[in-house]
mmCIF file of all heavy atoms, coordinates in Angstrom:
data_MODEL
# 
_entry.id   MODEL 
# 
loop_
_atom_site.group_PDB 
_atom_site.id 
_atom_site.type_symbol 
_atom_site.label_atom_id 
_atom_site.label_alt_id 
_atom_site.label_comp_id 
_atom_site.label_asym_id 
_atom_site.label_entity_id 
_atom_site.label_seq_id 
_atom_site.pdbx_PDB_ins_code 
_atom_site.Cartn_x 
_atom_site.Cartn_y 
_atom_site.Cartn_z 
_atom_site.occupancy 
_atom_site.B_iso_or_equiv 
_atom_site.pdbx_formal_charge 
_atom_site.auth_seq_id 
_atom_site.auth_comp_id 
_atom_site.auth_asym_id 
_atom_site.auth_atom_id 
_atom_site.pdbx_PDB_model_num 
ATOM 1   N N   . LEU A 1 1  ? -43.193 52.990 36.848 1.00 0.00 ? 1  LEU A N   1 
ATOM 2   C CA  . LEU A 1 1  ? -43.723 53.094 38.208 1.00 0.00 ? 1  LEU A CA  1 
ATOM 3   C C   . LEU A 1 1  ? -44.240 51.754 38.723 1.00 0.00 ? 1  LEU A C   1 
ATOM 4   O O   . LEU A 1 1  ? -44.038 51.402 39.890 1.00 0.00 ? 1  LEU A O   1 
ATOM 5   C CB  . LEU A 1 1  ? -44.836 54.155 38.261 1.00 0.00 ? 1  LEU A CB  1 
ATOM 6   C CG  . LEU A 1 1  ? -44.378 55.587 38.017 1.00 0.00 ? 1  LEU A CG  1 
ATOM 7   C CD1 . LEU A 1 1  ? -45.574 56.541 37.930 1.00 0.00 ? 1  LEU A CD1 1 
ATOM 8   C CD2 . LEU A 1 1  ? -43.410 56.044 39.096 1.00 0.00 ? 1  LEU A CD2 1 
ATOM 9   N N   . MET A 1 2  ? -44.874 50.974 37.836 1.00 0.00 ? 2  MET A N   1 
ATOM 10  C CA  . MET A 1 2  ? -45.326 49.628 38.235 1.00 0.00 ? 2  MET A CA  1 
ATOM 11  C C   . MET A 1 2  ? -44.131 48.740 38.570 1.00 0.00 ? 2  MET A C   1 
ATOM 12  O O   . MET A 1 2  ? -44.174 47.960 39.514 1.00 0.00 ? 2  MET A O   1 
ATOM 13  C CB  . MET A 1 2  ? -46.139 48.985 37.116 1.00 0.00 ? 2  MET A CB  1 
ATOM 14  C CG  . MET A 1 2  ? -47.541 49.510 36.984 1.00 0.00 ? 2  MET A CG  1 
ATOM 15  S SD  . MET A 1 2  ? -48.442 48.558 35.715 1.00 0.00 ? 2  MET A SD  1 
ATOM 16  C CE  . MET A 1 2  ? -48.653 49.825 34.490 1.00 0.00 ? 2  MET A CE  1 
ATOM 17  N N   . ALA A 1 3  ? -43.068 48.849 37.767 1.00 0.00 ? 3  ALA A N   1 
ATOM 18  C CA  . ALA A 1 3  ? -41.861 48.038 38.000 1.00 0.00 ? 3  ALA A CA  1 
ATOM 19  C C   . ALA A 1 3  ? -41.217 48.417 39.343 1.00 0.00 ? 3  ALA A C   1 
ATOM 20  O O   . ALA A 1 3  ? -40.771 47.545 40.096 1.00 0.00 ? 3  ALA A O   1 
ATOM 21  C CB  . ALA A 1 3  ? -40.865 48.241 36.862 1.00 0.00 ? 3  ALA A CB  1 
ATOM 22  N N   . MET A 1 4  ? -41.207 49.702 39.646 1.00 0.00 ? 4  MET A N   1 
ATOM 23  C CA  . MET A 1 4  ? -40.624 50.163 40.915 1.00 0.00 ? 4  MET A CA  1 
ATOM 24  C C   . MET A 1 4  ? -41.460 49.627 42.090 1.00 0.00 ? 4  MET A C   1 
ATOM 25  O O   . MET A 1 4  ? -40.914 49.233 43.116 1.00 0.00 ? 4  MET A O   1 
ATOM 26  C CB  . MET A 1 4  ? -40.578 51.694 40.956 1.00 0.00 ? 4  MET A CB  1 
ATOM 27  C CG  . MET A 1 4  ? -39.775 52.312 39.841 1.00 0.00 ? 4  MET A CG  1 
ATOM 28  S SD  . MET A 1 4  ? -38.058 51.858 39.844 1.00 0.00 ? 4  MET A SD  1 
ATOM 29  C CE  . MET A 1 4  ? -37.454 53.027 40.994 1.00 0.00 ? 4  MET A CE  1 
ATOM 30  N N   . GLU A 1 5  ? -42.761 49.615 41.926 1.00 0.00 ? 5  GLU A N   1 
ATOM 31  C CA  . GLU A 1 5  ? -43.644 49.097 42.977 1.00 0.00 ? 5  GLU A CA  1 
ATOM 32  C C   . GLU A 1 5  ? -43.438 47.587 43.143 1.00 0.00 ? 5  GLU A C   1 
ATOM 33  O O   . GLU A 1 5  ? -43.379 47.076 44.270 1.00 0.00 ? 5  GLU A O   1 
ATOM 34  C CB  . GLU A 1 5  ? -45.105 49.406 42.651 1.00 0.00 ? 5  GLU A CB  1 
ATOM 35  C CG  . GLU A 1 5  ? -46.066 49.123 43.757 1.00 0.00 ? 5  GLU A CG  1 
ATOM 36  C CD  . GLU A 1 5  ? -45.802 49.916 45.031 1.00 0.00 ? 5  GLU A CD  1 
ATOM 37  O OE1 . GLU A 1 5  ? -45.351 51.084 44.946 1.00 0.00 ? 5  GLU A OE1 1 
ATOM 38  O OE2 . GLU A 1 5  ? -46.065 49.371 46.112 1.00 0.00 ? 5  GLU A OE2 1 
ATOM 39  N N   . ALA A 1 6  ? -43.306 46.880 42.046 1.00 0.00 ? 6  ALA A N   1 
ATOM 40  C CA  . ALA A 1 6  ? -43.063 45.429 42.100 1.00 0.00 ? 6  ALA A CA  1 
ATOM 41  C C   . ALA A 1 6  ? -41.742 45.129 42.787 1.00 0.00 ? 6  ALA A C   1 
ATOM 42  O O   . ALA A 1 6  ? -41.637 44.119 43.516 1.00 0.00 ? 6  ALA A O   1 
ATOM 43  C CB  . ALA A 1 6  ? -43.070 44.859 40.693 1.00 0.00 ? 6  ALA A CB  1 
ATOM 44  N N   . LEU A 1 7  ? -40.746 45.958 42.575 1.00 0.00 ? 7  LEU A N   1 
ATOM 45  C CA  . LEU A 1 7  ? -39.425 45.746 43.194 1.00 0.00 ? 7  LEU A CA  1 
ATOM 46  C C   . LEU A 1 7  ? -39.518 45.697 44.726 1.00 0.00 ? 7  LEU A C   1 
ATOM 47  O O   . LEU A 1 7  ? -38.745 44.983 45.369 1.00 0.00 ? 7  LEU A O   1 
ATOM 48  C CB  . LEU A 1 7  ? -38.472 46.854 42.745 1.00 0.00 ? 7  LEU A CB  1 
ATOM 49  C CG  . LEU A 1 7  ? -37.012 46.692 43.131 1.00 0.00 ? 7  LEU A CG  1 
ATOM 50  C CD1 . LEU A 1 7  ? -36.426 45.406 42.555 1.00 0.00 ? 7  LEU A CD1 1 
ATOM 51  C CD2 . LEU A 1 7  ? -36.229 47.895 42.647 1.00 0.00 ? 7  LEU A CD2 1 
ATOM 52  N N   . LYS A 1 8  ? -40.492 46.382 45.299 1.00 0.00 ? 8  LYS A N   1 
ATOM 53  C CA  . LYS A 1 8  ? -40.690 46.374 46.755 1.00 0.00 ? 8  LYS A CA  1 
ATOM 54  C C   . LYS A 1 8  ? -41.052 44.985 47.258 1.00 0.00 ? 8  LYS A C   1 
ATOM 55  O O   . LYS A 1 8  ? -40.908 44.692 48.440 1.00 0.00 ? 8  LYS A O   1 
ATOM 56  C CB  . LYS A 1 8  ? -41.761 47.373 47.149 1.00 0.00 ? 8  LYS A CB  1 
ATOM 57  C CG  . LYS A 1 8  ? -41.374 48.806 46.896 1.00 0.00 ? 8  LYS A CG  1 
ATOM 58  C CD  . LYS A 1 8  ? -42.526 49.740 47.231 1.00 0.00 ? 8  LYS A CD  1 
ATOM 59  C CE  . LYS A 1 8  ? -42.175 51.166 46.884 1.00 0.00 ? 8  LYS A CE  1 
ATOM 60  N NZ  . LYS A 1 8  ? -43.326 52.069 47.117 1.00 0.00 ? 8  LYS A NZ  1 
ATOM 61  N N   . ARG A 1 9  ? -41.518 44.114 46.384 1.00 0.00 ? 9  ARG A N   1 
ATOM 62  C CA  . ARG A 1 9  ? -41.915 42.752 46.790 1.00 0.00 ? 9  ARG A CA  1 
ATOM 63  C C   . ARG A 1 9  ? -40.773 41.752 46.714 1.00 0.00 ? 9  ARG A C   1 
ATOM 64  O O   . ARG A 1 9  ? -40.913 40.596 47.092 1.00 0.00 ? 9  ARG A O   1 
ATOM 65  C CB  . ARG A 1 9  ? -43.088 42.287 45.929 1.00 0.00 ? 9  ARG A CB  1 
ATOM 66  C CG  . ARG A 1 9  ? -44.281 43.185 46.101 1.00 0.00 ? 9  ARG A CG  1 
ATOM 67  C CD  . ARG A 1 9  ? -45.427 42.761 45.212 1.00 0.00 ? 9  ARG A CD  1 
ATOM 68  N NE  . ARG A 1 9  ? -46.466 43.769 45.172 1.00 0.00 ? 9  ARG A NE  1 
ATOM 69  C CZ  . ARG A 1 9  ? -47.444 43.894 46.052 1.00 0.00 ? 9  ARG A CZ  1 
ATOM 70  N NH1 . ARG A 1 9  ? -47.523 43.086 47.063 1.00 0.00 ? 9  ARG A NH1 1 
ATOM 71  N NH2 . ARG A 1 9  ? -48.348 44.846 45.889 1.00 0.00 ? 9  ARG A NH2 1 
ATOM 72  N N   . LYS A 1 10 ? -39.623 42.194 46.208 1.00 0.00 ? 10 LYS A N   1 
ATOM 73  C CA  . LYS A 1 10 ? -38.425 41.333 46.181 1.00 0.00 ? 10 LYS A CA  1 
ATOM 74  C C   . LYS A 1 10 ? -37.895 41.213 47.591 1.00 0.00 ? 10 LYS A C   1 
ATOM 75  O O   . LYS A 1 10 ? -37.593 42.206 48.231 1.00 0.00 ? 10 LYS A O   1 
ATOM 76  C CB  . LYS A 1 10 ? -37.372 41.942 45.250 1.00 0.00 ? 10 LYS A CB  1 
ATOM 77  C CG  . LYS A 1 10 ? -36.063 41.197 45.213 1.00 0.00 ? 10 LYS A CG  1 
ATOM 78  C CD  . LYS A 1 10 ? -35.050 42.007 44.432 1.00 0.00 ? 10 LYS A CD  1 
ATOM 79  C CE  . LYS A 1 10 ? -33.649 41.574 44.683 1.00 0.00 ? 10 LYS A CE  1 
ATOM 80  N NZ  . LYS A 1 10 ? -33.178 41.769 46.045 1.00 0.00 ? 10 LYS A NZ  1 
ATOM 81  N N   . LYS A 1 11 ? -37.789 40.009 48.092 1.00 0.00 ? 11 LYS A N   1 
ATOM 82  C CA  . LYS A 1 11 ? -37.373 39.805 49.481 1.00 0.00 ? 11 LYS A CA  1 
ATOM 83  C C   . LYS A 1 11 ? -36.207 38.821 49.573 1.00 0.00 ? 11 LYS A C   1 
ATOM 84  O O   . LYS A 1 11 ? -36.242 37.753 48.965 1.00 0.00 ? 11 LYS A O   1 
ATOM 85  C CB  . LYS A 1 11 ? -38.527 39.241 50.320 1.00 0.00 ? 11 LYS A CB  1 
ATOM 86  C CG  . LYS A 1 11 ? -39.773 40.071 50.332 1.00 0.00 ? 11 LYS A CG  1 
ATOM 87  C CD  . LYS A 1 11 ? -39.591 41.310 51.145 1.00 0.00 ? 11 LYS A CD  1 
ATOM 88  C CE  . LYS A 1 11 ? -40.897 42.096 51.187 1.00 0.00 ? 11 LYS A CE  1 
ATOM 89  N NZ  . LYS A 1 11 ? -40.724 43.453 51.458 1.00 0.00 ? 11 LYS A NZ  1 
ATOM 90  N N   . ASN A 1 12 ? -35.210 39.192 50.310 1.00 0.00 ? 12 ASN A N   1 
ATOM 91  C CA  . ASN A 1 12 ? -34.147 38.284 50.793 1.00 0.00 ? 12 ASN A CA  1 
ATOM 92  C C   . ASN A 1 12 ? -33.368 37.497 49.732 1.00 0.00 ? 12 ASN A C   1 
ATOM 93  O O   . ASN A 1 12 ? -32.836 36.470 50.031 1.00 0.00 ? 12 ASN A O   1 
ATOM 94  C CB  . ASN A 1 12 ? -34.744 37.271 51.794 1.00 0.00 ? 12 ASN A CB  1 
ATOM 95  C CG  . ASN A 1 12 ? -35.357 37.968 52.980 1.00 0.00 ? 12 ASN A CG  1 
ATOM 96  O OD1 . ASN A 1 12 ? -34.848 38.948 53.461 1.00 0.00 ? 12 ASN A OD1 1 
ATOM 97  N ND2 . ASN A 1 12 ? -36.476 37.459 53.440 1.00 0.00 ? 12 ASN A ND2 1 
ATOM 98  N N   . TRP A 1 13 ? -33.338 37.954 48.516 1.00 0.00 ? 13 TRP A N   1 
ATOM 99  C CA  . TRP A 1 13 ? -32.473 37.294 47.527 1.00 0.00 ? 13 TRP A CA  1 
ATOM 100 C C   . TRP A 1 13 ? -31.711 38.356 46.756 1.00 0.00 ? 13 TRP A C   1 
ATOM 101 O O   . TRP A 1 13 ? -32.150 39.483 46.599 1.00 0.00 ? 13 TRP A O   1 
ATOM 102 C CB  . TRP A 1 13 ? -33.240 36.360 46.581 1.00 0.00 ? 13 TRP A CB  1 
ATOM 103 C CG  . TRP A 1 13 ? -34.425 36.918 45.863 1.00 0.00 ? 13 TRP A CG  1 
ATOM 104 C CD1 . TRP A 1 13 ? -35.710 36.947 46.289 1.00 0.00 ? 13 TRP A CD1 1 
ATOM 105 C CD2 . TRP A 1 13 ? -34.435 37.529 44.563 1.00 0.00 ? 13 TRP A CD2 1 
ATOM 106 N NE1 . TRP A 1 13 ? -36.523 37.536 45.342 1.00 0.00 ? 13 TRP A NE1 1 
ATOM 107 C CE2 . TRP A 1 13 ? -35.765 37.899 44.259 1.00 0.00 ? 13 TRP A CE2 1 
ATOM 108 C CE3 . TRP A 1 13 ? -33.450 37.805 43.608 1.00 0.00 ? 13 TRP A CE3 1 
ATOM 109 C CZ2 . TRP A 1 13 ? -36.128 38.515 43.081 1.00 0.00 ? 13 TRP A CZ2 1 
ATOM 110 C CZ3 . TRP A 1 13 ? -33.812 38.409 42.422 1.00 0.00 ? 13 TRP A CZ3 1 
ATOM 111 C CH2 . TRP A 1 13 ? -35.146 38.758 42.177 1.00 0.00 ? 13 TRP A CH2 1 
ATOM 112 N N   . THR A 1 14 ? -30.500 37.985 46.347 1.00 0.00 ? 14 THR A N   1 
ATOM 113 C CA  . THR A 1 14 ? -29.598 38.933 45.704 1.00 0.00 ? 14 THR A CA  1 
ATOM 114 C C   . THR A 1 14 ? -29.271 38.551 44.262 1.00 0.00 ? 14 THR A C   1 
ATOM 115 O O   . THR A 1 14 ? -28.692 39.342 43.545 1.00 0.00 ? 14 THR A O   1 
ATOM 116 C CB  . THR A 1 14 ? -28.287 39.032 46.481 1.00 0.00 ? 14 THR A CB  1 
ATOM 117 O OG1 . THR A 1 14 ? -27.701 37.738 46.549 1.00 0.00 ? 14 THR A OG1 1 
ATOM 118 C CG2 . THR A 1 14 ? -28.519 39.568 47.887 1.00 0.00 ? 14 THR A CG2 1 
ATOM 119 N N   . HIS A 1 15 ? -29.629 37.324 43.849 1.00 0.00 ? 15 HIS A N   1 
ATOM 120 C CA  . HIS A 1 15 ? -29.329 36.831 42.506 1.00 0.00 ? 15 HIS A CA  1 
ATOM 121 C C   . HIS A 1 15 ? -30.615 36.299 41.880 1.00 0.00 ? 15 HIS A C   1 
ATOM 122 O O   . HIS A 1 15 ? -31.373 35.585 42.531 1.00 0.00 ? 15 HIS A O   1 
ATOM 123 C CB  . HIS A 1 15 ? -28.313 35.687 42.554 1.00 0.00 ? 15 HIS A CB  1 
ATOM 124 C CG  . HIS A 1 15 ? -26.956 36.086 43.025 1.00 0.00 ? 15 HIS A CG  1 
ATOM 125 N ND1 . HIS A 1 15 ? -26.705 36.510 44.298 1.00 0.00 ? 15 HIS A ND1 1 
ATOM 126 C CD2 . HIS A 1 15 ? -25.769 36.110 42.387 1.00 0.00 ? 15 HIS A CD2 1 
ATOM 127 C CE1 . HIS A 1 15 ? -25.414 36.788 44.426 1.00 0.00 ? 15 HIS A CE1 1 
ATOM 128 N NE2 . HIS A 1 15 ? -24.838 36.546 43.269 1.00 0.00 ? 15 HIS A NE2 1 
ATOM 129 N N   . GLY A 1 16 ? -30.861 36.638 40.627 1.00 0.00 ? 16 GLY A N   1 
ATOM 130 C CA  . GLY A 1 16 ? -32.031 36.109 39.933 1.00 0.00 ? 16 GLY A CA  1 
ATOM 131 C C   . GLY A 1 16 ? -32.474 36.997 38.799 1.00 0.00 ? 16 GLY A C   1 
ATOM 132 O O   . GLY A 1 16 ? -31.686 37.737 38.212 1.00 0.00 ? 16 GLY A O   1 
ATOM 133 N N   . GLU A 1 17 ? -33.771 36.941 38.483 1.00 0.00 ? 17 GLU A N   1 
ATOM 134 C CA  . GLU A 1 17 ? -34.348 37.717 37.406 1.00 0.00 ? 17 GLU A CA  1 
ATOM 135 C C   . GLU A 1 17 ? -35.697 38.292 37.828 1.00 0.00 ? 17 GLU A C   1 
ATOM 136 O O   . GLU A 1 17 ? -36.408 37.666 38.609 1.00 0.00 ? 17 GLU A O   1 
ATOM 137 C CB  . GLU A 1 17 ? -34.574 36.862 36.158 1.00 0.00 ? 17 GLU A CB  1 
ATOM 138 C CG  . GLU A 1 17 ? -33.350 36.446 35.424 1.00 0.00 ? 17 GLU A CG  1 
ATOM 139 C CD  . GLU A 1 17 ? -33.660 35.673 34.149 1.00 0.00 ? 17 GLU A CD  1 
ATOM 140 O OE1 . GLU A 1 17 ? -34.836 35.399 33.839 1.00 0.00 ? 17 GLU A OE1 1 
ATOM 141 O OE2 . GLU A 1 17 ? -32.686 35.344 33.463 1.00 0.00 ? 17 GLU A OE2 1 
ATOM 142 N N   . ILE A 1 18 ? -36.004 39.425 37.264 1.00 0.00 ? 18 ILE A N   1 
ATOM 143 C CA  . ILE A 1 18 ? -37.364 39.965 37.342 1.00 0.00 ? 18 ILE A CA  1 
ATOM 144 C C   . ILE A 1 18 ? -37.838 40.052 35.902 1.00 0.00 ? 18 ILE A C   1 
ATOM 145 O O   . ILE A 1 18 ? -37.153 40.577 35.026 1.00 0.00 ? 18 ILE A O   1 
ATOM 146 C CB  . ILE A 1 18 ? -37.404 41.340 38.009 1.00 0.00 ? 18 ILE A CB  1 
ATOM 147 C CG1 . ILE A 1 18 ? -36.776 41.269 39.411 1.00 0.00 ? 18 ILE A CG1 1 
ATOM 148 C CG2 . ILE A 1 18 ? -38.844 41.844 38.105 1.00 0.00 ? 18 ILE A CG2 1 
ATOM 149 C CD1 . ILE A 1 18 ? -36.686 42.625 40.102 1.00 0.00 ? 18 ILE A CD1 1 
ATOM 150 N N   . VAL A 1 19 ? -39.013 39.508 35.662 1.00 0.00 ? 19 VAL A N   1 
ATOM 151 C CA  . VAL A 1 19 ? -39.579 39.451 34.315 1.00 0.00 ? 19 VAL A CA  1 
ATOM 152 C C   . VAL A 1 19 ? -40.918 40.195 34.312 1.00 0.00 ? 19 VAL A C   1 
ATOM 153 O O   . VAL A 1 19 ? -41.769 39.923 35.155 1.00 0.00 ? 19 VAL A O   1 
ATOM 154 C CB  . VAL A 1 19 ? -39.769 37.988 33.840 1.00 0.00 ? 19 VAL A CB  1 
ATOM 155 C CG1 . VAL A 1 19 ? -40.404 37.954 32.473 1.00 0.00 ? 19 VAL A CG1 1 
ATOM 156 C CG2 . VAL A 1 19 ? -38.435 37.262 33.858 1.00 0.00 ? 19 VAL A CG2 1 
ATOM 157 N N   . PHE A 1 20 ? -41.041 41.122 33.378 1.00 0.00 ? 20 PHE A N   1 
ATOM 158 C CA  . PHE A 1 20 ? -42.264 41.888 33.225 1.00 0.00 ? 20 PHE A CA  1 
ATOM 159 C C   . PHE A 1 20 ? -42.878 41.546 31.862 1.00 0.00 ? 20 PHE A C   1 
ATOM 160 O O   . PHE A 1 20 ? -42.307 41.891 30.828 1.00 0.00 ? 20 PHE A O   1 
ATOM 161 C CB  . PHE A 1 20 ? -41.977 43.400 33.263 1.00 0.00 ? 20 PHE A CB  1 
ATOM 162 C CG  . PHE A 1 20 ? -41.281 43.857 34.512 1.00 0.00 ? 20 PHE A CG  1 
ATOM 163 C CD1 . PHE A 1 20 ? -39.895 44.026 34.530 1.00 0.00 ? 20 PHE A CD1 1 
ATOM 164 C CD2 . PHE A 1 20 ? -41.990 44.156 35.662 1.00 0.00 ? 20 PHE A CD2 1 
ATOM 165 C CE1 . PHE A 1 20 ? -39.235 44.454 35.663 1.00 0.00 ? 20 PHE A CE1 1 
ATOM 166 C CE2 . PHE A 1 20 ? -41.355 44.595 36.813 1.00 0.00 ? 20 PHE A CE2 1 
ATOM 167 C CZ  . PHE A 1 20 ? -39.966 44.742 36.809 1.00 0.00 ? 20 PHE A CZ  1 
ATOM 168 N N   . ASP A 1 21 ? -44.012 40.856 31.863 1.00 0.00 ? 21 ASP A N   1 
ATOM 169 C CA  . ASP A 1 21 ? -44.746 40.615 30.629 1.00 0.00 ? 21 ASP A CA  1 
ATOM 170 C C   . ASP A 1 21 ? -45.750 41.762 30.491 1.00 0.00 ? 21 ASP A C   1 
ATOM 171 O O   . ASP A 1 21 ? -46.484 42.065 31.438 1.00 0.00 ? 21 ASP A O   1 
ATOM 172 C CB  . ASP A 1 21 ? -45.520 39.293 30.695 1.00 0.00 ? 21 ASP A CB  1 
ATOM 173 C CG  . ASP A 1 21 ? -44.592 38.101 30.545 1.00 0.00 ? 21 ASP A CG  1 
ATOM 174 O OD1 . ASP A 1 21 ? -43.635 38.169 29.765 1.00 0.00 ? 21 ASP A OD1 1 
ATOM 175 O OD2 . ASP A 1 21 ? -44.829 37.089 31.228 1.00 0.00 ? 21 ASP A OD2 1 
ATOM 176 N N   . PHE A 1 22 ? -45.765 42.400 29.322 1.00 0.00 ? 22 PHE A N   1 
ATOM 177 C CA  . PHE A 1 22 ? -46.657 43.549 29.149 1.00 0.00 ? 22 PHE A CA  1 
ATOM 178 C C   . PHE A 1 22 ? -47.403 43.442 27.826 1.00 0.00 ? 22 PHE A C   1 
ATOM 179 O O   . PHE A 1 22 ? -46.918 42.856 26.875 1.00 0.00 ? 22 PHE A O   1 
ATOM 180 C CB  . PHE A 1 22 ? -45.877 44.871 29.241 1.00 0.00 ? 22 PHE A CB  1 
ATOM 181 C CG  . PHE A 1 22 ? -44.854 45.060 28.161 1.00 0.00 ? 22 PHE A CG  1 
ATOM 182 C CD1 . PHE A 1 22 ? -45.179 45.798 27.017 1.00 0.00 ? 22 PHE A CD1 1 
ATOM 183 C CD2 . PHE A 1 22 ? -43.589 44.532 28.261 1.00 0.00 ? 22 PHE A CD2 1 
ATOM 184 C CE1 . PHE A 1 22 ? -44.231 45.984 26.008 1.00 0.00 ? 22 PHE A CE1 1 
ATOM 185 C CE2 . PHE A 1 22 ? -42.643 44.708 27.265 1.00 0.00 ? 22 PHE A CE2 1 
ATOM 186 C CZ  . PHE A 1 22 ? -42.969 45.440 26.137 1.00 0.00 ? 22 PHE A CZ  1 
ATOM 187 N N   . THR A 1 23 ? -48.559 44.055 27.809 1.00 0.00 ? 23 THR A N   1 
ATOM 188 C CA  . THR A 1 23 ? -49.368 44.121 26.589 1.00 0.00 ? 23 THR A CA  1 
ATOM 189 C C   . THR A 1 23 ? -50.264 45.350 26.652 1.00 0.00 ? 23 THR A C   1 
ATOM 190 O O   . THR A 1 23 ? -50.605 45.832 27.734 1.00 0.00 ? 23 THR A O   1 
ATOM 191 C CB  . THR A 1 23 ? -50.217 42.831 26.392 1.00 0.00 ? 23 THR A CB  1 
ATOM 192 O OG1 . THR A 1 23 ? -50.781 42.857 25.105 1.00 0.00 ? 23 THR A OG1 1 
ATOM 193 C CG2 . THR A 1 23 ? -51.291 42.692 27.435 1.00 0.00 ? 23 THR A CG2 1 
ATOM 194 N N   . MET A 1 24 ? -50.620 45.848 25.481 1.00 0.00 ? 24 MET A N   1 
ATOM 195 C CA  . MET A 1 24 ? -51.549 46.956 25.354 1.00 0.00 ? 24 MET A CA  1 
ATOM 196 C C   . MET A 1 24 ? -52.895 46.379 24.909 1.00 0.00 ? 24 MET A C   1 
ATOM 197 O O   . MET A 1 24 ? -52.965 45.633 23.931 1.00 0.00 ? 24 MET A O   1 
ATOM 198 C CB  . MET A 1 24 ? -51.083 47.970 24.333 1.00 0.00 ? 24 MET A CB  1 
ATOM 199 C CG  . MET A 1 24 ? -49.874 48.759 24.749 1.00 0.00 ? 24 MET A CG  1 
ATOM 200 S SD  . MET A 1 24 ? -50.204 49.910 26.091 1.00 0.00 ? 24 MET A SD  1 
ATOM 201 C CE  . MET A 1 24 ? -51.365 51.026 25.321 1.00 0.00 ? 24 MET A CE  1 
ATOM 202 N N   . LYS A 1 25 ? -53.961 46.711 25.637 1.00 0.00 ? 25 LYS A N   1 
ATOM 203 C CA  . LYS A 1 25 ? -55.310 46.315 25.254 1.00 0.00 ? 25 LYS A CA  1 
ATOM 204 C C   . LYS A 1 25 ? -56.214 47.537 25.387 1.00 0.00 ? 25 LYS A C   1 
ATOM 205 O O   . LYS A 1 25 ? -56.331 48.077 26.475 1.00 0.00 ? 25 LYS A O   1 
ATOM 206 C CB  . LYS A 1 25 ? -55.825 45.198 26.155 1.00 0.00 ? 25 LYS A CB  1 
ATOM 207 C CG  . LYS A 1 25 ? -55.051 43.921 25.972 1.00 0.00 ? 25 LYS A CG  1 
ATOM 208 C CD  . LYS A 1 25 ? -55.912 42.717 26.095 1.00 0.00 ? 25 LYS A CD  1 
ATOM 209 C CE  . LYS A 1 25 ? -55.020 41.542 25.793 1.00 0.00 ? 25 LYS A CE  1 
ATOM 210 N NZ  . LYS A 1 25 ? -55.598 40.308 25.920 1.00 0.00 ? 25 LYS A NZ  1 
# 
């Protein structure tokens, strides 16, 4: 769900990477 929400911030580009750094604390 967080990744889907972050995807909404992708603007005007069609090539690249999305990187999610995650940790449990």
